[in-house]
Amino acid sequence: MQIDQELLLDIYREISSMREFEEQLQEETRETDAAVLTELVDFPQQDVSSKR
């Protein structure tokens, strides 16, 4: 059975673009997680200072 090389190239490109998208998504998730963690760490300090 012979597989069309053009089809293989298309599949390879599709997989590559999905990997890039996944990496971008992971990067955005890390940035969001970092921002949320920063908010959580800063929140109690703001809360304490507002009670004085």
N, C-alpha and C. Protein backbone atom coordinates (compact mmCIF):
# COMPACT_ATOMS: atom_id res chain seq x y z
N MET A 1 0.85 -1.20 0.00
CA MET A 1 0.00 0.00 0.00
C MET A 1 0.89 1.25 0.00
N GLN A 2 0.64 2.13 -0.93
CA GLN A 2 1.45 3.34 -1.04
C GLN A 2 0.64 4.55 -0.59
N ILE A 3 1.26 5.33 0.26
CA ILE A 3 0.57 6.52 0.78
C ILE A 3 1.08 7.74 0.02
N ASP A 4 0.17 8.60 -0.35
CA ASP A 4 0.50 9.82 -1.08
C ASP A 4 1.42 10.71 -0.23
N GLN A 5 2.55 11.09 -0.79
CA GLN A 5 3.50 11.93 -0.04
C GLN A 5 2.91 13.30 0.29
N GLU A 6 2.10 13.83 -0.61
CA GLU A 6 1.46 15.13 -0.37
C GLU A 6 0.54 15.04 0.84
N LEU A 7 -0.17 13.92 0.95
CA LEU A 7 -1.05 13.70 2.09
C LEU A 7 -0.24 13.64 3.39
N LEU A 8 0.89 12.93 3.34
CA LEU A 8 1.76 12.85 4.52
C LEU A 8 2.27 14.23 4.91
N LEU A 9 2.64 15.03 3.92
CA LEU A 9 3.11 16.39 4.21
C LEU A 9 2.01 17.23 4.87
N ASP A 10 0.79 17.09 4.36
CA ASP A 10 -0.34 17.83 4.94
C ASP A 10 -0.56 17.41 6.39
N ILE A 11 -0.49 16.11 6.64
CA ILE A 11 -0.68 15.60 8.00
C ILE A 11 0.43 16.12 8.91
N TYR A 12 1.66 16.09 8.40
CA TYR A 12 2.80 16.58 9.18
C TYR A 12 2.63 18.07 9.53
N ARG A 13 2.20 18.86 8.55
CA ARG A 13 1.99 20.30 8.79
C ARG A 13 0.90 20.52 9.82
N GLU A 14 -0.16 19.74 9.71
CA GLU A 14 -1.29 19.86 10.63
C GLU A 14 -0.84 19.55 12.06
N ILE A 15 -0.09 18.48 12.22
CA ILE A 15 0.42 18.10 13.54
C ILE A 15 1.35 19.17 14.08
N SER A 16 2.20 19.71 13.22
CA SER A 16 3.13 20.76 13.64
C SER A 16 2.37 22.00 14.12
N SER A 17 1.35 22.39 13.38
CA SER A 17 0.60 23.58 13.78
C SER A 17 -0.18 23.32 15.08
N MET A 18 -0.65 22.07 15.26
CA MET A 18 -1.34 21.75 16.51
C MET A 18 -0.36 21.80 17.68
N ARG A 19 0.87 21.33 17.46
CA ARG A 19 1.89 21.40 18.52
C ARG A 19 2.20 22.84 18.87
N GLU A 20 2.34 23.69 17.87
CA GLU A 20 2.61 25.11 18.13
C GLU A 20 1.47 25.73 18.92
N PHE A 21 0.24 25.39 18.53
CA PHE A 21 -0.93 25.92 19.23
C PHE A 21 -0.92 25.45 20.69
N GLU A 22 -0.59 24.16 20.89
CA GLU A 22 -0.56 23.62 22.24
C GLU A 22 0.51 24.31 23.09
N GLU A 23 1.69 24.55 22.50
CA GLU A 23 2.75 25.24 23.22
C GLU A 23 2.33 26.66 23.58
N GLN A 24 1.67 27.33 22.65
CA GLN A 24 1.19 28.69 22.91
C GLN A 24 0.17 28.68 24.05
N LEU A 25 -0.72 27.69 24.02
CA LEU A 25 -1.73 27.56 25.06
C LEU A 25 -1.09 27.31 26.42
N GLN A 26 -0.07 26.45 26.45
CA GLN A 26 0.62 26.16 27.71
C GLN A 26 1.32 27.42 28.24
N GLU A 27 1.92 28.19 27.35
CA GLU A 27 2.59 29.43 27.75
C GLU A 27 1.57 30.41 28.34
N GLU A 28 0.42 30.55 27.67
CA GLU A 28 -0.62 31.45 28.18
C GLU A 28 -1.14 30.96 29.52
N THR A 29 -1.25 29.65 29.68
CA THR A 29 -1.71 29.08 30.95
C THR A 29 -0.72 29.38 32.05
N ARG A 30 0.58 29.23 31.75
CA ARG A 30 1.61 29.55 32.75
C ARG A 30 1.53 31.02 33.16
N GLU A 31 1.36 31.90 32.18
CA GLU A 31 1.26 33.33 32.49
C GLU A 31 0.03 33.63 33.34
N THR A 32 -1.08 32.99 33.00
CA THR A 32 -2.31 33.18 33.77
C THR A 32 -2.14 32.65 35.19
N ASP A 33 -1.56 31.45 35.30
CA ASP A 33 -1.32 30.87 36.63
C ASP A 33 -0.44 31.79 37.46
N ALA A 34 0.61 32.33 36.85
CA ALA A 34 1.52 33.22 37.56
C ALA A 34 0.79 34.48 38.02
N ALA A 35 -0.05 35.02 37.16
CA ALA A 35 -0.82 36.22 37.51
C ALA A 35 -1.79 35.93 38.66
N VAL A 36 -2.45 34.78 38.60
CA VAL A 36 -3.40 34.41 39.65
C VAL A 36 -2.66 34.19 40.97
N LEU A 37 -1.54 33.49 40.91
CA LEU A 37 -0.75 33.26 42.13
C LEU A 37 -0.28 34.59 42.73
N THR A 38 0.14 35.52 41.88
CA THR A 38 0.58 36.83 42.35
C THR A 38 -0.59 37.54 43.05
N GLU A 39 -1.76 37.47 42.45
CA GLU A 39 -2.95 38.08 43.06
C GLU A 39 -3.24 37.45 44.42
N LEU A 40 -3.16 36.11 44.48
CA LEU A 40 -3.46 35.42 45.73
C LEU A 40 -2.44 35.77 46.82
N VAL A 41 -1.18 35.90 46.43
CA VAL A 41 -0.13 36.23 47.39
C VAL A 41 -0.30 37.68 47.87
N ASP A 42 -0.66 38.58 46.97
CA ASP A 42 -0.81 39.99 47.32
C ASP A 42 -2.10 40.26 48.09
N PHE A 43 -3.11 39.45 47.87
CA PHE A 43 -4.44 39.72 48.43
C PHE A 43 -4.45 39.83 49.95
N PRO A 44 -3.90 38.84 50.68
CA PRO A 44 -3.94 38.95 52.15
C PRO A 44 -3.26 40.21 52.67
N GLN A 45 -2.16 40.63 52.04
CA GLN A 45 -1.46 41.82 52.48
C GLN A 45 -2.35 43.05 52.31
N GLN A 46 -3.05 43.13 51.19
CA GLN A 46 -3.97 44.25 50.97
C GLN A 46 -5.09 44.20 52.00
N ASP A 47 -5.57 42.99 52.29
CA ASP A 47 -6.67 42.80 53.22
C ASP A 47 -6.27 43.25 54.63
N VAL A 48 -5.08 42.85 55.06
CA VAL A 48 -4.59 43.22 56.39
C VAL A 48 -4.41 44.73 56.50
N SER A 49 -3.82 45.34 55.48
CA SER A 49 -3.55 46.78 55.55
C SER A 49 -4.84 47.60 55.52
N SER A 50 -5.91 47.05 54.93
CA SER A 50 -7.16 47.80 54.86
C SER A 50 -7.91 47.77 56.19
N LYS A 51 -7.57 46.83 57.08
CA LYS A 51 -8.26 46.72 58.37
C LYS A 51 -7.68 47.67 59.42
N ARG A 52 -6.49 48.20 59.16
CA ARG A 52 -5.86 49.08 60.16
C ARG A 52 -6.59 50.40 60.32
